[in-house]
Each structure stands twice: as structure tokens, then as C-alpha cells.
Amino acid sequence: MKTFASIFCAVMCAGSAALAASLPQPGDVYLISRDHNGRFLGSHKLFRDRSPDMKQVTYCAQAYFVRGSTIAWTQIEAERGNVIHVEFNFGRGWRPICASPEKQVTLADIGITLSPREFLDSLEDGEQPQSRLAFIGSLFRSSAQDTDGQ
């Protein structure tokens, strides 16, 4: 019985650690979309380390690495009329670093001639255009809209 309890505890702790690692941490920088009332709509993380599937870009005079889907996402969010900022997680909330990242980097800047929607439609299943936080946020928005309509 002790063995089962030990294994159960180890699995639960490992799962919690994996979830915590995917959540924004102090020091992280994200592209964040908000409505005109300042409510969070979605986000994409900006990375400081190179990865094979990422392109180096510059936002606010600072180099980051992003996927093409992130750039397309910023352009689509702007088309929808949402406000996008580069924001820094300082541990007790978010601080905007600069505005209008969709004007600073476009798909054309990384050699993609498709429109943002065409580009996202062309992606293989391996690259998801929506971040985990954006997906979670959409679930809350969907259930809030369902209750507002009743």
C-alpha cells in the first residue's frame, strides 16, 4: 500500500510541475491581446532562445524568437480591432513594454507572402496557431457568452 501511495504522489507531483512549467513565470515576455476595455483575449510567448522552428524578430528594439503563427496571430488580432502589446510578467501582474507589435513585424518580414489567414490555414497539424493560454481564455469567453445570452 505504501508503494501505491508513493507512486500516486510522484505522478501527481510530476503532473503539477508540468502544468506549472507551462504557465507564465516572472520574467516571461508575451504578446498579449486585449479588448478595448483591457480584458485579456489571448497571448503568445516571446522566446529569448533560438529553436529550429522559430524566426528571430525584433520588438521594441529587443530580439526574440517566434513562430510564424505568432506573427500571423498578431496581425489577425489587430484586424479584429483588438489591442496588442508586448508585456512583461513581473510576478504580480503584467507591464506593457510597447504597443503595436503587429506593425513592427509582419509575415513579409520573415519571407512569407501569404495573408495571415492563408498562412494559418496552410500550417500542418504539428504547429498550433493558438497558444494554450488563448485556448483556455476562449473556453471562459464561450461559457460567459452562453450565460449572458440566457
C-alpha atoms as a PDB file:
ATOM      1  CA  MET A   1       0.000   0.000   0.000  1.00  0.00           C
ATOM      2  CA  LYS A   2       2.892   2.368   0.756  1.00  0.00           C
ATOM      3  CA  THR A   3       4.281   1.692  -2.714  1.00  0.00           C
ATOM      4  CA  PHE A   4       0.985   2.628  -4.353  1.00  0.00           C
ATOM      5  CA  ALA A   5       0.759   5.815  -2.289  1.00  0.00           C
ATOM      6  CA  SER A   6       4.349   6.739  -3.188  1.00  0.00           C
ATOM      7  CA  ILE A   7       3.761   6.174  -6.894  1.00  0.00           C
ATOM      8  CA  PHE A   8       0.483   8.101  -6.787  1.00  0.00           C
ATOM      9  CA  CYS A   9       2.169  11.034  -5.054  1.00  0.00           C
ATOM     10  CA  ALA A  10       5.061  11.034  -7.551  1.00  0.00           C
ATOM     11  CA  VAL A  11       2.682  11.048 -10.526  1.00  0.00           C
ATOM     12  CA  MET A  12       0.590  13.871  -9.066  1.00  0.00           C
ATOM     13  CA  CYS A  13       3.658  15.974  -8.269  1.00  0.00           C
ATOM     14  CA  ALA A  14       5.098  15.441 -11.769  1.00  0.00           C
ATOM     15  CA  GLY A  15       1.795  16.467 -13.353  1.00  0.00           C
ATOM     16  CA  SER A  16       1.645  19.607 -11.241  1.00  0.00           C
ATOM     17  CA  ALA A  17       5.215  20.509 -12.169  1.00  0.00           C
ATOM     18  CA  ALA A  18       4.454  20.104 -15.891  1.00  0.00           C
ATOM     19  CA  LEU A  19       1.391  22.338 -15.586  1.00  0.00           C
ATOM     20  CA  ALA A  20       3.321  24.971 -13.639  1.00  0.00           C
ATOM     21  CA  ALA A  21       6.081  24.997 -16.261  1.00  0.00           C
ATOM     22  CA  SER A  22       3.545  25.878 -18.980  1.00  0.00           C
ATOM     23  CA  LEU A  23       2.138  28.840 -17.048  1.00  0.00           C
ATOM     24  CA  PRO A  24       3.692  32.296 -17.388  1.00  0.00           C
ATOM     25  CA  GLN A  25       6.548  32.838 -14.947  1.00  0.00           C
ATOM     26  CA  PRO A  26       8.040  36.085 -13.619  1.00  0.00           C
ATOM     27  CA  GLY A  27      10.427  37.393 -16.262  1.00  0.00           C
ATOM     28  CA  ASP A  28       8.465  35.977 -19.211  1.00  0.00           C
ATOM     29  CA  VAL A  29       7.582  38.254 -22.112  1.00  0.00           C
ATOM     30  CA  TYR A  30       4.392  37.729 -24.115  1.00  0.00           C
ATOM     31  CA  LEU A  31       2.443  39.280 -26.939  1.00  0.00           C
ATOM     32  CA  ILE A  32      -0.925  39.892 -25.293  1.00  0.00           C
ATOM     33  CA  SER A  33      -4.186  40.763 -26.996  1.00  0.00           C
ATOM     34  CA  ARG A  34      -6.793  42.684 -25.046  1.00  0.00           C
ATOM     35  CA  ASP A  35     -10.138  44.203 -25.949  1.00  0.00           C
ATOM     36  CA  HIS A  36     -10.635  47.965 -25.708  1.00  0.00           C
ATOM     37  CA  ASN A  37     -11.706  47.565 -22.062  1.00  0.00           C
ATOM     38  CA  GLY A  38      -8.372  45.923 -21.211  1.00  0.00           C
ATOM     39  CA  ARG A  39      -9.740  42.381 -20.843  1.00  0.00           C
ATOM     40  CA  PHE A  40      -7.362  39.570 -21.760  1.00  0.00           C
ATOM     41  CA  LEU A  41      -8.201  37.809 -25.016  1.00  0.00           C
ATOM     42  CA  GLY A  42      -5.130  35.743 -25.839  1.00  0.00           C
ATOM     43  CA  SER A  43      -1.347  35.567 -25.830  1.00  0.00           C
ATOM     44  CA  HIS A  44       1.759  34.121 -27.427  1.00  0.00           C
ATOM     45  CA  LYS A  45       5.076  33.779 -25.652  1.00  0.00           C
ATOM     46  CA  LEU A  46       8.189  35.533 -26.947  1.00  0.00           C
ATOM     47  CA  PHE A  47      11.278  33.354 -26.557  1.00  0.00           C
ATOM     48  CA  ARG A  48      14.821  34.531 -25.913  1.00  0.00           C
ATOM     49  CA  ASP A  49      16.487  31.291 -27.078  1.00  0.00           C
ATOM     50  CA  ARG A  50      16.711  30.036 -30.640  1.00  0.00           C
ATOM     51  CA  SER A  51      14.768  26.963 -31.662  1.00  0.00           C
ATOM     52  CA  PRO A  52      14.801  25.271 -35.086  1.00  0.00           C
ATOM     53  CA  ASP A  53      11.187  26.176 -35.928  1.00  0.00           C
ATOM     54  CA  MET A  54      11.435  29.825 -34.865  1.00  0.00           C
ATOM     55  CA  LYS A  55      12.449  33.065 -36.563  1.00  0.00           C
ATOM     56  CA  GLN A  56      14.381  35.878 -34.932  1.00  0.00           C
ATOM     57  CA  VAL A  57      12.436  39.134 -34.837  1.00  0.00           C
ATOM     58  CA  THR A  58      12.758  42.470 -33.078  1.00  0.00           C
ATOM     59  CA  TYR A  59      10.005  44.013 -30.972  1.00  0.00           C
ATOM     60  CA  CYS A  60      10.676  47.241 -29.095  1.00  0.00           C
ATOM     61  CA  ALA A  61      14.406  47.136 -30.014  1.00  0.00           C
ATOM     62  CA  GLN A  62      14.740  43.706 -28.329  1.00  0.00           C
ATOM     63  CA  ALA A  63      15.441  40.441 -30.177  1.00  0.00           C
ATOM     64  CA  TYR A  64      13.086  37.496 -29.650  1.00  0.00           C
ATOM     65  CA  PHE A  65      12.314  34.193 -31.359  1.00  0.00           C
ATOM     66  CA  VAL A  66       8.781  33.375 -32.536  1.00  0.00           C
ATOM     67  CA  ARG A  67       6.906  31.016 -34.824  1.00  0.00           C
ATOM     68  CA  GLY A  68       5.288  32.313 -37.978  1.00  0.00           C
ATOM     69  CA  SER A  69       1.894  31.534 -36.468  1.00  0.00           C
ATOM     70  CA  THR A  70       2.593  34.064 -33.717  1.00  0.00           C
ATOM     71  CA  ILE A  71       3.219  36.824 -36.237  1.00  0.00           C
ATOM     72  CA  ALA A  72       0.072  35.872 -38.175  1.00  0.00           C
ATOM     73  CA  TRP A  73      -1.887  35.865 -34.902  1.00  0.00           C
ATOM     74  CA  THR A  74      -0.830  39.449 -34.077  1.00  0.00           C
ATOM     75  CA  GLN A  75      -1.952  40.628 -37.498  1.00  0.00           C
ATOM     76  CA  ILE A  76      -5.330  38.890 -37.213  1.00  0.00           C
ATOM     77  CA  GLU A  77      -5.898  40.232 -33.684  1.00  0.00           C
ATOM     78  CA  ALA A  78      -5.214  43.766 -34.960  1.00  0.00           C
ATOM     79  CA  GLU A  79      -7.644  43.231 -37.884  1.00  0.00           C
ATOM     80  CA  ARG A  80     -10.278  42.241 -35.312  1.00  0.00           C
ATOM     81  CA  GLY A  81      -9.749  45.597 -33.596  1.00  0.00           C
ATOM     82  CA  ASN A  82      -8.024  44.208 -30.513  1.00  0.00           C
ATOM     83  CA  VAL A  83      -5.107  45.944 -28.806  1.00  0.00           C
ATOM     84  CA  ILE A  84      -1.811  44.043 -28.787  1.00  0.00           C
ATOM     85  CA  HIS A  85       1.142  44.874 -26.541  1.00  0.00           C
ATOM     86  CA  VAL A  86       4.428  43.250 -25.705  1.00  0.00           C
ATOM     87  CA  GLU A  87       4.065  42.680 -21.947  1.00  0.00           C
ATOM     88  CA  PHE A  88       6.439  41.595 -19.187  1.00  0.00           C
ATOM     89  CA  ASN A  89       5.384  39.365 -16.280  1.00  0.00           C
ATOM     90  CA  PHE A  90       6.896  40.938 -13.167  1.00  0.00           C
ATOM     91  CA  GLY A  91       5.458  38.335 -10.787  1.00  0.00           C
ATOM     92  CA  ARG A  92       2.468  40.338  -9.584  1.00  0.00           C
ATOM     93  CA  GLY A  93       0.909  41.146 -12.925  1.00  0.00           C
ATOM     94  CA  TRP A  94       1.806  42.360 -16.375  1.00  0.00           C
ATOM     95  CA  ARG A  95       3.569  45.514 -17.501  1.00  0.00           C
ATOM     96  CA  PRO A  96       3.303  46.715 -21.089  1.00  0.00           C
ATOM     97  CA  ILE A  97       6.701  47.152 -22.731  1.00  0.00           C
ATOM     98  CA  CYS A  98       5.454  48.588 -26.019  1.00  0.00           C
ATOM     99  CA  ALA A  99       2.435  48.818 -28.281  1.00  0.00           C
ATOM    100  CA  SER A 100       1.565  47.768 -31.816  1.00  0.00           C
ATOM    101  CA  PRO A 101       3.872  44.777 -32.333  1.00  0.00           C
ATOM    102  CA  GLU A 102       1.772  43.864 -35.380  1.00  0.00           C
ATOM    103  CA  LYS A 103       3.238  46.965 -37.079  1.00  0.00           C
ATOM    104  CA  GLN A 104       6.805  46.115 -36.021  1.00  0.00           C
ATOM    105  CA  VAL A 105       6.944  42.593 -37.521  1.00  0.00           C
ATOM    106  CA  THR A 106       4.809  41.169 -40.326  1.00  0.00           C
ATOM    107  CA  LEU A 107       4.800  37.859 -42.168  1.00  0.00           C
ATOM    108  CA  ALA A 108       6.534  39.596 -45.089  1.00  0.00           C
ATOM    109  CA  ASP A 109       9.444  40.407 -42.746  1.00  0.00           C
ATOM    110  CA  ILE A 110      10.146  36.680 -42.370  1.00  0.00           C
ATOM    111  CA  GLY A 111       9.673  35.923 -46.064  1.00  0.00           C
ATOM    112  CA  ILE A 112       6.050  34.754 -46.049  1.00  0.00           C
ATOM    113  CA  THR A 113       3.894  36.197 -48.828  1.00  0.00           C
ATOM    114  CA  LEU A 114       0.579  34.626 -47.743  1.00  0.00           C
ATOM    115  CA  SER A 115      -2.035  36.577 -45.844  1.00  0.00           C
ATOM    116  CA  PRO A 116      -2.149  35.779 -42.110  1.00  0.00           C
ATOM    117  CA  ARG A 117      -5.310  33.674 -42.521  1.00  0.00           C
ATOM    118  CA  GLU A 118      -3.925  31.789 -45.529  1.00  0.00           C
ATOM    119  CA  PHE A 119      -0.719  31.122 -43.622  1.00  0.00           C
ATOM    120  CA  LEU A 120      -2.527  29.739 -40.568  1.00  0.00           C
ATOM    121  CA  ASP A 121      -4.743  27.610 -42.821  1.00  0.00           C
ATOM    122  CA  SER A 122      -1.654  26.186 -44.520  1.00  0.00           C
ATOM    123  CA  LEU A 123       0.028  25.022 -41.329  1.00  0.00           C
ATOM    124  CA  GLU A 124       0.449  21.357 -40.682  1.00  0.00           C
ATOM    125  CA  ASP A 125      -1.276  19.874 -37.650  1.00  0.00           C
ATOM    126  CA  GLY A 126       2.048  19.920 -35.756  1.00  0.00           C
ATOM    127  CA  GLU A 127       2.064  23.683 -35.203  1.00  0.00           C
ATOM    128  CA  GLN A 128      -0.939  25.050 -33.388  1.00  0.00           C
ATOM    129  CA  PRO A 129      -1.620  28.739 -34.104  1.00  0.00           C
ATOM    130  CA  GLN A 130      -3.335  29.317 -30.759  1.00  0.00           C
ATOM    131  CA  SER A 131      -1.390  29.326 -27.517  1.00  0.00           C
ATOM    132  CA  ARG A 132      -2.544  27.296 -24.515  1.00  0.00           C
ATOM    133  CA  LEU A 133      -3.497  30.458 -22.652  1.00  0.00           C
ATOM    134  CA  ALA A 134      -5.523  31.713 -25.615  1.00  0.00           C
ATOM    135  CA  PHE A 135      -7.328  28.364 -25.793  1.00  0.00           C
ATOM    136  CA  ILE A 136      -8.104  28.434 -22.065  1.00  0.00           C
ATOM    137  CA  GLY A 137      -9.253  32.054 -22.350  1.00  0.00           C
ATOM    138  CA  SER A 138     -11.571  31.145 -25.225  1.00  0.00           C
ATOM    139  CA  LEU A 139     -13.235  28.496 -23.043  1.00  0.00           C
ATOM    140  CA  PHE A 140     -14.031  31.127 -20.413  1.00  0.00           C
ATOM    141  CA  ARG A 141     -15.309  33.574 -23.033  1.00  0.00           C
ATOM    142  CA  SER A 142     -17.532  30.861 -24.550  1.00  0.00           C
ATOM    143  CA  SER A 143     -19.116  29.971 -21.220  1.00  0.00           C
ATOM    144  CA  ALA A 144     -19.540  33.655 -20.290  1.00  0.00           C
ATOM    145  CA  GLN A 145     -21.308  34.305 -23.626  1.00  0.00           C
ATOM    146  CA  ASP A 146     -23.531  31.271 -23.062  1.00  0.00           C
ATOM    147  CA  THR A 147     -24.694  32.591 -19.689  1.00  0.00           C
ATOM    148  CA  ASP A 148     -25.087  36.178 -20.973  1.00  0.00           C
ATOM    149  CA  GLY A 149     -27.436  35.022 -23.702  1.00  0.00           C
ATOM    150  CA  GLN A 150     -29.848  33.301 -21.297  1.00  0.00           C
END
